Protein backbone atom coordinates (compact mmCIF):
# COMPACT_ATOMS: atom_id res chain seq x y z
CA MET A 1 -27.57 -37.84 3.75
CA VAL A 2 -25.23 -34.85 3.33
CA LYS A 3 -26.67 -31.37 3.72
CA LYS A 4 -25.57 -28.71 1.29
CA PRO A 5 -24.53 -25.39 2.85
CA VAL A 6 -26.88 -22.51 2.39
CA LYS A 7 -24.81 -20.26 0.14
CA LYS A 8 -26.99 -17.12 0.17
CA TYR A 9 -27.13 -17.01 3.96
CA ALA A 10 -23.35 -17.45 4.22
CA GLU A 11 -22.66 -14.68 1.72
CA LYS A 12 -25.16 -12.36 3.36
CA THR A 13 -23.66 -12.97 6.79
CA TYR A 14 -20.12 -12.52 5.44
CA PHE A 15 -20.87 -9.15 3.87
CA GLN A 16 -22.84 -7.98 6.91
CA GLU A 17 -19.84 -8.78 9.10
CA ILE A 18 -17.55 -6.85 6.76
CA LYS A 19 -19.87 -3.85 6.94
CA GLU A 20 -19.94 -4.02 10.75
CA GLU A 21 -16.15 -4.25 10.96
CA LEU A 22 -15.67 -1.30 8.61
CA LYS A 23 -17.87 0.81 10.89
CA LYS A 24 -15.39 0.11 13.73
CA VAL A 25 -12.41 1.40 11.73
CA LYS A 26 -11.08 4.77 12.84
CA TRP A 27 -10.44 6.50 9.53
CA ALA A 28 -7.72 9.15 9.27
CA ILE A 29 -8.76 12.76 8.95
CA LYS A 30 -8.19 14.66 5.71
CA GLU A 31 -5.30 16.75 7.06
CA ALA A 32 -3.41 13.70 8.26
CA MET A 33 -3.87 11.93 4.94
CA PHE A 34 -2.55 15.00 3.13
CA LYS A 35 0.56 15.01 5.34
CA TYR A 36 1.12 11.29 4.79
CA THR A 37 0.73 11.70 1.04
CA ILE A 38 3.26 14.55 0.89
CA ALA A 39 5.70 12.61 3.08
CA THR A 40 5.38 9.56 0.84
CA ILE A 41 5.99 11.56 -2.33
CA ILE A 42 9.05 13.23 -0.80
CA PHE A 43 10.34 9.85 0.40
CA ILE A 44 9.96 8.35 -3.09
CA VAL A 45 11.68 11.29 -4.78
CA VAL A 46 14.61 11.30 -2.33
CA PHE A 47 15.22 7.57 -2.63
CA GLY A 48 14.77 7.73 -6.40
CA LEU A 49 17.46 10.40 -6.61
CA TYR A 50 19.67 8.43 -4.23
CA PHE A 51 19.52 5.26 -6.35
CA TYR A 52 19.88 7.27 -9.55
CA GLY A 53 23.06 8.78 -8.10
CA LEU A 54 24.41 5.37 -7.09
CA ASP A 55 23.66 3.99 -10.54
CA PHE A 56 25.39 6.96 -12.15
CA LEU A 57 28.46 6.57 -9.93
CA PHE A 58 28.76 2.84 -10.55
CA SER A 59 28.40 3.27 -14.33
CA TRP A 60 30.95 6.10 -14.25
CA PHE A 61 33.35 3.98 -12.21
CA LYS A 62 32.84 1.04 -14.58
CA GLY A 63 33.73 3.31 -17.50
CA ILE A 64 36.96 4.36 -15.79
CA VAL A 65 37.97 0.79 -14.95
CA SER A 66 37.19 -0.64 -18.39
C-alpha cells in the first residue's frame, strides 16, 4: 500500500524554513540602498545616452552612404 504525503505538514515546514532563512539575511541599510539606487539610475542614463548616440551616428552614416 502506497502512503500519500502529508501536504499540510510539508507546506508548513517549507514556509517555516523560508522564514528562518530570511532571518539570517543581512539586509542593506537605508543609506547604502539609496547609494545603489542612485548609481543604478546614473548607469542606466549614461548607457542609454551612449546607445542613443551610437544609433544616431549609424543612422546618420547610413544616410550619407545611401
